């Protein structure tokens, strides 16, 4: 079975940290009888290459000096500017032609299209000219765009309805797909942890450590955490590490300084997997104060939550998007109302003052993610989706409508 994975972003080198969950799934799929190729845009002229033994075919869409619509901050954040909106035109045209050519050249039978808007447009010609089967994988960002743009809503609804199978990363995203397209049969295929658990003995911390990992964009809600910290510090001294890069990093560093938190909060930027593994293992609490941003976008799932629970760490997160699929309030972590600084403060102090509860939540969370977010299970169910389209195998895994 020849499968093409269409995506806006993929690792540019072996040590690149772009979409690690997608990369891990593709590696896991090597255990099944399918020949997978990644079909993705170039970045600053990047040529086709291989990652983990998987061919990554890159299409060009602009002079390399401005070929930056995707990767790093991500296209949904960039297309707010007119320049990137104009750059999206050749991106869509060249992508559609390139994917059609690749489908012919490599005899692609299934296209697994991530972010159906705009990448579902790439699948139309292969579907109707070549009979290629289409799996449309929604993550949430495209659905947020559809909420504020009627033309995008109509196009995305058509693209989702044209797909042979619709998949989502969480029950929340599945409900949004149903709202946009009327299709209530999405297969929920989440992702698992991509950072390995740290083994061995760690040095004891002088203070409790609060950790956040992720892209520093508005929907991560780091300003809510920063504004909650002064009240936390009135009761307990803590250290805070906020990893990652993004367009809000400088703003949040400035806010941290204004709140007098420069000695408490550290912004180390991107960190290696080894360092991230160490941070997960050593932190006292993982905090994820996600919000709905100005464009209505939020967390489709929250893979970092799965990684924290894989390390048996207590988690505090906002009750938004797909997060409740991972965090069951009071069972596998604590959920708080988004943008509610007092609620976040109370939750942090509750855990810092109750080591027994921290241990119970961490253990329960670990059991939950090892059962429902296991890579072997995810890869098996992904293969079953592919097989259902290329043979007489019936798709038996639960859909959103049945779940």
Protein backbone atom coordinates (compact mmCIF):
# COMPACT_ATOMS: atom_id res chain seq x y z
CA UNK A 1 0.00 0.00 0.00
CA UNK A 2 1.47 3.37 -1.06
CA UNK A 3 0.57 6.23 1.29
CA UNK A 4 1.34 9.93 0.93
CA UNK A 5 1.23 12.05 4.09
CA UNK A 6 0.47 15.67 3.16
CA UNK A 7 1.48 18.27 5.73
CA UNK A 8 2.48 21.93 5.95
CA UNK A 9 5.33 21.19 8.37
CA UNK A 10 7.78 18.35 8.84
CA UNK A 11 11.24 17.90 10.35
CA UNK A 12 13.87 19.62 8.20
CA UNK A 13 16.72 17.57 9.65
CA UNK A 14 17.21 14.69 12.06
CA UNK A 15 17.44 17.05 15.05
CA UNK A 16 14.55 19.35 14.06
CA UNK A 17 11.70 19.40 16.60
CA UNK A 18 8.85 20.24 14.17
CA UNK A 19 5.67 18.13 14.62
CA UNK A 20 7.43 15.32 16.55
CA UNK A 21 4.13 13.48 17.07
CA UNK A 22 3.59 13.15 13.31
CA UNK A 23 7.15 11.98 12.84
CA UNK A 24 6.77 9.38 15.59
CA UNK A 25 3.57 8.02 14.05
CA UNK A 26 5.24 7.65 10.65
CA UNK A 27 8.14 5.79 12.25
CA UNK A 28 5.66 3.50 14.03
CA UNK A 29 3.91 2.80 10.72
CA UNK A 30 7.05 1.02 9.48
CA UNK A 31 5.73 -1.99 11.39
CA UNK A 32 2.85 -2.29 8.92
CA UNK A 33 2.76 -3.19 5.20
CA UNK A 34 2.54 0.34 3.86
CA UNK A 35 5.10 2.42 1.98
CA UNK A 36 4.86 5.97 3.38
CA UNK A 37 6.17 9.17 1.82
CA UNK A 38 5.83 12.67 3.26
CA UNK A 39 4.71 15.41 0.88
CA UNK A 40 5.52 18.86 2.30
CA UNK A 41 6.48 22.42 1.28
CA UNK A 42 10.07 23.57 1.13
CA UNK A 43 11.46 25.99 3.68
CA UNK A 44 13.92 28.57 2.32
CA UNK A 45 14.70 26.38 -0.67
CA UNK A 46 15.08 23.11 1.25
CA UNK A 47 15.35 20.19 -1.18
CA UNK A 48 13.77 16.76 -0.85
CA UNK A 49 15.50 14.52 1.70
CA UNK A 50 14.94 11.60 4.05
CA UNK A 51 14.19 11.52 7.80
CA UNK A 52 14.24 8.26 9.76
CA UNK A 53 14.56 6.43 6.43
CA UNK A 54 11.29 8.01 5.19
CA UNK A 55 11.37 10.04 1.93
CA UNK A 56 10.31 13.66 2.42
CA UNK A 57 9.41 15.30 -0.89
CA UNK A 58 9.55 19.11 -0.81
CA UNK A 59 7.75 21.39 -3.28
CA UNK A 60 8.91 24.91 -4.08
CA UNK A 61 6.41 27.77 -4.13
CA UNK A 62 8.47 30.99 -3.90
CA UNK A 63 12.04 32.33 -4.02
CA UNK A 64 13.89 30.74 -1.12
CA UNK A 65 14.39 34.05 0.71
CA UNK A 66 10.62 34.33 1.31
CA UNK A 67 9.72 30.63 1.39
CA UNK A 68 8.73 30.86 5.05
CA UNK A 69 4.94 30.52 5.17
CA UNK A 70 5.19 27.26 7.11
CA UNK A 71 7.37 25.83 9.92
CA UNK A 72 8.56 27.59 13.10
CA UNK A 73 5.64 29.79 14.25
CA UNK A 74 3.17 27.96 11.99
CA UNK A 75 1.07 29.20 9.08
CA UNK A 76 -2.11 29.99 11.10
CA UNK A 77 -0.19 32.65 13.04
CA UNK A 78 1.59 34.02 9.98
CA UNK A 79 -1.41 34.42 7.65
CA UNK A 80 -2.69 37.30 9.76
CA UNK A 81 -0.34 39.49 7.69
CA UNK A 82 -1.15 40.51 4.10
CA UNK A 83 2.26 39.35 2.87
CA UNK A 84 1.70 35.77 3.97
CA UNK A 85 -1.90 35.82 2.73
CA UNK A 86 -0.56 36.62 -0.75
CA UNK A 87 2.16 33.99 -0.38
CA UNK A 88 -0.57 31.42 0.29
CA UNK A 89 -1.73 31.69 -3.35
CA UNK A 90 1.39 30.14 -4.96
CA UNK A 91 1.63 27.81 -1.94
CA UNK A 92 -1.77 26.31 -2.76
CA UNK A 93 -1.26 26.23 -6.54
CA UNK A 94 2.22 24.69 -6.48
CA UNK A 95 1.24 22.30 -3.72
CA UNK A 96 -1.77 21.00 -5.67
CA UNK A 97 0.28 20.41 -8.83
CA UNK A 98 3.15 18.81 -6.93
CA UNK A 99 0.92 16.42 -4.99
CA UNK A 100 -0.84 15.37 -8.20
CA UNK A 101 2.53 14.65 -9.83
CA UNK A 102 3.78 12.71 -6.81
CA UNK A 103 0.59 10.61 -6.78
CA UNK A 104 1.20 9.66 -10.40
CA UNK A 105 4.95 9.08 -10.00
CA UNK A 106 4.77 6.99 -6.82
CA UNK A 107 1.39 5.32 -7.48
CA UNK A 108 -0.09 6.73 -4.27
CA UNK A 109 -3.24 4.89 -3.16
CA UNK A 110 -4.06 6.83 0.02
CA UNK A 111 -3.42 10.50 0.81
CA UNK A 112 -3.38 11.26 4.53
CA UNK A 113 -4.03 15.01 4.51
CA UNK A 114 -3.25 16.96 7.67
CA UNK A 115 -5.08 20.29 8.16
CA UNK A 116 -7.77 19.86 5.45
CA UNK A 117 -7.79 23.59 4.85
CA UNK A 118 -5.97 24.34 2.69
CA UNK A 119 -4.35 20.95 2.08
CA UNK A 120 -7.61 19.23 1.19
CA UNK A 121 -7.41 21.25 -2.02
CA UNK A 122 -4.27 19.28 -2.90
CA UNK A 123 -6.30 16.06 -2.78
CA UNK A 124 -9.12 17.00 -5.14
CA UNK A 125 -7.33 16.25 -8.43
CA UNK A 126 -5.76 12.97 -7.21
CA UNK A 127 -9.16 11.85 -5.91
CA UNK A 128 -11.22 12.57 -9.02
CA UNK A 129 -8.59 11.97 -11.71
CA UNK A 130 -6.68 9.04 -10.21
CA UNK A 131 -9.09 7.48 -7.72
CA UNK A 132 -6.79 8.12 -4.75
CA UNK A 133 -8.51 7.63 -1.39
CA UNK A 134 -8.45 10.60 0.99
CA UNK A 135 -8.04 10.64 4.78
CA UNK A 136 -8.68 14.17 6.11
CA UNK A 137 -6.99 14.73 9.50
CA UNK A 138 -8.22 17.78 11.42
CA UNK A 139 -6.20 19.25 14.29
CA UNK A 140 -8.29 22.33 15.10
CA UNK A 141 -6.50 25.35 13.63
CA UNK A 142 -8.32 25.08 10.28
CA UNK A 143 -11.65 24.86 12.10
CA UNK A 144 -10.88 28.06 14.01
CA UNK A 145 -10.25 29.82 10.68
CA UNK A 146 -13.58 28.50 9.39
CA UNK A 147 -15.39 29.96 12.40
CA UNK A 148 -14.43 33.50 11.44
CA UNK A 149 -14.53 33.21 7.62
CA UNK A 150 -17.68 32.19 5.79
CA UNK A 151 -15.84 31.40 2.50
CA UNK A 152 -13.34 29.18 4.35
CA UNK A 153 -16.25 27.53 6.20
CA UNK A 154 -17.91 26.62 2.91
CA UNK A 155 -14.71 25.34 1.29
CA UNK A 156 -13.69 23.32 4.37
CA UNK A 157 -17.18 21.83 4.67
CA UNK A 158 -16.96 20.65 1.05
CA UNK A 159 -13.43 19.29 1.48
CA UNK A 160 -14.37 17.36 4.63
CA UNK A 161 -17.46 15.96 2.94
CA UNK A 162 -15.35 14.87 -0.05
CA UNK A 163 -12.90 12.86 2.08
CA UNK A 164 -13.29 9.09 2.25
CA UNK A 165 -12.49 9.10 5.98
CA UNK A 166 -12.38 12.00 8.42
CA UNK A 167 -10.05 11.76 11.42
CA UNK A 168 -9.46 14.09 14.34
CA UNK A 169 -7.03 14.32 17.26
CA UNK A 170 -9.71 14.61 19.97
CA UNK A 171 -13.43 14.44 20.66
CA UNK A 172 -13.51 18.26 20.78
CA UNK A 173 -12.07 18.52 17.27
CA UNK A 174 -14.52 15.84 16.11
CA UNK A 175 -17.43 17.92 17.41
CA UNK A 176 -16.07 20.94 15.50
CA UNK A 177 -15.80 18.86 12.30
CA UNK A 178 -19.43 17.85 12.79
CA UNK A 179 -20.43 21.47 13.30
CA UNK A 180 -18.63 22.68 10.18
CA UNK A 181 -19.43 19.83 7.80
CA UNK A 182 -22.37 17.94 9.28
CA UNK A 183 -20.21 14.78 9.22
CA UNK A 184 -20.49 13.00 12.57
CA UNK A 185 -18.42 9.94 11.71
CA UNK A 186 -14.89 11.20 12.45
CA UNK A 187 -12.39 8.58 13.63
CA UNK A 188 -10.54 9.89 16.68
CA UNK A 189 -6.81 9.24 16.31
CA UNK A 190 -4.87 11.06 19.04
CA UNK A 191 -1.08 11.13 19.41
CA UNK A 192 1.22 9.89 22.12
CA UNK A 193 4.29 11.14 23.96
CA UNK A 194 7.39 11.93 21.89
CA UNK A 195 9.80 12.69 24.75
CA UNK A 196 11.24 9.64 26.49
CA UNK A 197 10.99 9.33 30.27
CA UNK A 198 14.21 10.10 32.13
CA UNK A 199 15.66 7.19 34.04
CA UNK A 200 18.08 7.26 36.95
CA UNK A 201 18.33 9.41 40.08
CA UNK A 202 17.81 13.17 39.86
CA UNK A 203 19.28 15.80 42.14
CA UNK A 204 16.69 17.02 44.70
CA UNK A 205 15.22 20.45 43.96
CA UNK A 206 15.73 23.35 46.38
CA UNK A 207 12.27 24.68 45.47
CA UNK A 208 9.19 23.23 43.76
CA UNK A 209 9.46 23.57 39.98
CA UNK A 210 6.52 24.52 37.76
CA UNK A 211 6.98 23.63 34.08
CA UNK A 212 5.39 24.65 30.79
CA UNK A 213 6.50 23.39 27.36
CA UNK A 214 5.22 24.54 23.99
CA UNK A 215 5.04 27.18 21.32
CA UNK A 216 4.82 30.65 22.84
CA UNK A 217 1.73 31.91 21.02
CA UNK A 218 -1.38 33.57 22.38
CA UNK A 219 -3.50 30.43 22.82
CA UNK A 220 -1.00 28.99 25.30
CA UNK A 221 -2.11 31.59 27.89
CA UNK A 222 1.26 32.11 29.55
CA UNK A 223 0.25 35.60 30.65
CA UNK A 224 -2.43 33.98 32.84
CA UNK A 225 0.23 31.89 34.57
CA UNK A 226 2.54 34.87 35.03
CA UNK A 227 -0.23 36.96 36.57
CA UNK A 228 -1.11 34.11 38.93
CA UNK A 229 2.44 33.64 40.23
CA UNK A 230 2.70 36.64 42.62
CA UNK A 231 -0.11 35.21 44.77
CA UNK A 232 1.52 31.76 44.66
CA UNK A 233 4.81 33.28 45.82
CA UNK A 234 3.10 34.89 48.81
CA UNK A 235 2.68 31.35 50.18
CA UNK A 236 5.42 29.20 48.64
CA UNK A 237 8.70 29.92 46.85
CA UNK A 238 8.81 28.22 43.46
CA UNK A 239 10.88 28.19 40.31
CA UNK A 240 9.22 28.29 36.90
CA UNK A 241 10.57 27.16 33.52
CA UNK A 242 8.72 28.10 30.33
CA UNK A 243 10.32 26.46 27.28
CA UNK A 244 9.72 27.18 23.60
CA UNK A 245 9.73 30.03 21.11
CA UNK A 246 7.00 32.08 19.50
CA UNK A 247 5.70 35.53 18.67
CA UNK A 248 4.64 36.22 22.29
CA UNK A 249 7.95 35.35 23.94
CA UNK A 250 9.34 38.90 24.17
CA UNK A 251 5.99 40.23 25.41
CA UNK A 252 5.81 37.59 28.13
CA UNK A 253 9.43 38.07 29.17
CA UNK A 254 8.65 41.78 29.58
CA UNK A 255 5.52 40.98 31.62
CA UNK A 256 7.58 38.67 33.83
CA UNK A 257 10.05 41.48 34.52
CA UNK A 258 7.24 43.96 35.23
CA UNK A 259 5.76 41.54 37.79
CA UNK A 260 9.13 41.19 39.49
CA UNK A 261 9.50 37.55 38.45
CA UNK A 262 12.84 37.72 36.63
CA UNK A 263 14.56 35.62 39.31
CA UNK A 264 11.71 33.11 39.41
CA UNK A 265 10.74 32.54 35.78
CA UNK A 266 13.17 31.32 33.12
CA UNK A 267 12.55 31.34 29.35
CA UNK A 268 15.26 29.05 27.92
CA UNK A 269 13.75 28.89 24.41
CA UNK A 270 13.76 25.59 22.55
CA UNK A 271 15.45 22.82 24.50
CA UNK A 272 16.72 19.43 23.36
CA UNK A 273 14.68 16.29 23.90
CA UNK A 274 17.22 15.21 26.50
CA UNK A 275 16.84 18.46 28.44
CA UNK A 276 13.05 18.36 28.08
CA UNK A 277 13.04 14.82 29.41
CA UNK A 278 15.06 16.01 32.42
CA UNK A 279 12.64 18.88 33.03
CA UNK A 280 9.60 16.58 32.91
CA UNK A 281 11.27 14.20 35.34
CA UNK A 282 12.31 16.88 37.81
CA UNK A 283 9.29 19.23 37.79
CA UNK A 284 6.82 19.28 40.68
CA UNK A 285 3.78 20.28 38.59
CA UNK A 286 3.19 20.66 34.88
CA UNK A 287 0.99 23.74 34.18
CA UNK A 288 -0.82 24.34 30.88
CA UNK A 289 -2.97 27.51 31.05
CA UNK A 290 -4.32 27.33 27.47
CA UNK A 291 -7.00 29.76 26.28
CA UNK A 292 -9.15 30.49 23.25
CA UNK A 293 -7.15 33.11 21.36
CA UNK A 294 -8.49 36.14 19.46
CA UNK A 295 -9.15 33.94 16.43
CA UNK A 296 -11.04 31.29 18.38
CA UNK A 297 -8.20 28.76 18.24
CA UNK A 298 -7.16 26.61 21.19
CA UNK A 299 -5.56 23.25 21.98
CA UNK A 300 -6.80 20.45 19.74
CA UNK A 301 -5.36 17.86 22.14
CA UNK A 302 -2.21 18.82 24.06
CA UNK A 303 0.51 16.21 23.51
CA UNK A 304 2.67 17.86 26.20
CA UNK A 305 0.05 16.85 28.76
CA UNK A 306 0.47 13.23 27.70
CA UNK A 307 4.24 13.60 28.05
CA UNK A 308 3.92 15.03 31.55
CA UNK A 309 1.58 12.22 32.62
CA UNK A 310 3.94 9.67 31.08
CA UNK A 311 6.39 10.91 33.72
CA UNK A 312 3.71 10.51 36.44
CA UNK A 313 3.60 14.26 37.04
CA UNK A 314 0.51 16.08 38.37
CA UNK A 315 -0.98 18.36 35.73
CA UNK A 316 -3.02 21.56 35.92
CA UNK A 317 -4.62 22.64 32.64
CA UNK A 318 -7.44 24.79 31.31
CA UNK A 319 -10.79 23.22 30.52
CA UNK A 320 -10.68 24.05 26.80
CA UNK A 321 -10.48 22.24 23.46
CA UNK A 322 -9.30 18.65 23.50
CA UNK A 323 -7.58 18.90 26.89
CA UNK A 324 -10.42 17.09 28.76
CA UNK A 325 -9.69 13.98 26.65
CA UNK A 326 -6.38 13.82 28.53
CA UNK A 327 -7.16 15.49 31.86
CA UNK A 328 -10.21 14.20 33.73
CA UNK A 329 -10.73 16.73 36.49
CA UNK A 330 -9.84 15.34 39.91
CA UNK A 331 -8.80 11.98 38.42
CA UNK A 332 -5.86 12.44 36.03
CA UNK A 333 -5.18 16.10 36.83
CA UNK A 334 -6.90 19.37 37.67
CA UNK A 335 -8.89 21.45 35.18
CA UNK A 336 -9.44 25.17 35.70
CA UNK A 337 -11.48 27.79 33.90
CA UNK A 338 -9.51 29.51 31.13
CA UNK A 339 -8.15 33.02 31.83
CA UNK A 340 -9.02 32.65 35.51
CA UNK A 341 -5.87 33.65 37.39
CA UNK A 342 -7.35 33.02 40.84
CA UNK A 343 -8.51 29.52 39.91
CA UNK A 344 -5.04 28.76 38.58
CA UNK A 345 -3.43 30.11 41.74
CA UNK A 346 -5.72 27.99 43.92
CA UNK A 347 -4.99 24.84 41.91
CA UNK A 348 -1.22 25.36 42.09
CA UNK A 349 -1.32 25.93 45.85
CA UNK A 350 -3.64 22.95 46.33
CA UNK A 351 -1.10 20.61 44.73
CA UNK A 352 1.96 22.20 46.29
CA UNK A 353 0.40 21.66 49.71
CA UNK A 354 -0.73 18.08 49.08
CA UNK A 355 1.99 15.64 47.99
CA UNK A 356 -0.38 12.69 48.37
CA UNK A 357 -2.81 14.20 45.84
CA UNK A 358 0.10 14.95 43.48
CA UNK A 359 1.16 11.31 43.63
CA UNK A 360 -2.38 10.00 43.12
CA UNK A 361 -3.03 12.24 40.11
CA UNK A 362 0.32 11.36 38.57
CA UNK A 363 -0.24 7.62 38.94
CA UNK A 364 -3.81 7.76 37.60
CA UNK A 365 -2.70 9.99 34.73
CA UNK A 366 0.08 7.58 33.85
CA UNK A 367 -2.33 4.65 33.66
CA UNK A 368 -4.72 6.70 31.51
CA UNK A 369 -2.15 7.75 28.90
CA UNK A 370 -0.49 4.34 28.69
CA UNK A 371 -3.89 2.85 27.90
CA UNK A 372 -5.38 5.42 25.53
CA UNK A 373 -2.36 7.22 24.05
CA UNK A 374 -0.10 4.26 23.36
CA UNK A 375 1.81 4.49 20.07
CA UNK A 376 1.29 0.84 19.15
CA UNK A 377 -2.45 1.24 19.48
CA UNK A 378 -2.45 4.54 17.54
CA UNK A 379 -0.37 3.09 14.69
CA UNK A 380 -2.57 -0.02 14.51
CA UNK A 381 -5.74 2.06 14.26
CA UNK A 382 -4.16 4.34 11.66
CA UNK A 383 -3.26 1.30 9.55
CA UNK A 384 -6.82 0.01 9.92
CA UNK A 385 -8.06 3.29 8.44
CA UNK A 386 -5.74 2.88 5.44
CA UNK A 387 -6.61 -0.80 5.00
CA UNK A 388 -10.34 -0.07 5.05
CA UNK A 389 -9.84 2.11 1.97
CA UNK A 390 -7.69 -0.24 -0.09
CA UNK A 391 -9.25 -3.63 0.71
CA UNK A 392 -12.43 -5.23 1.96
CA UNK A 393 -11.36 -4.76 5.58
CA UNK A 394 -14.16 -3.12 7.60
CA UNK A 395 -13.25 -0.11 9.73
CA UNK A 396 -14.13 -1.26 13.25
CA UNK A 397 -12.63 1.41 15.51
CA UNK A 398 -15.02 3.82 17.15
CA UNK A 399 -16.07 6.98 15.40
CA UNK A 400 -17.14 10.21 17.06
CA UNK A 401 -20.81 9.37 16.46
CA UNK A 402 -20.46 6.05 18.32
CA UNK A 403 -18.08 7.22 21.06
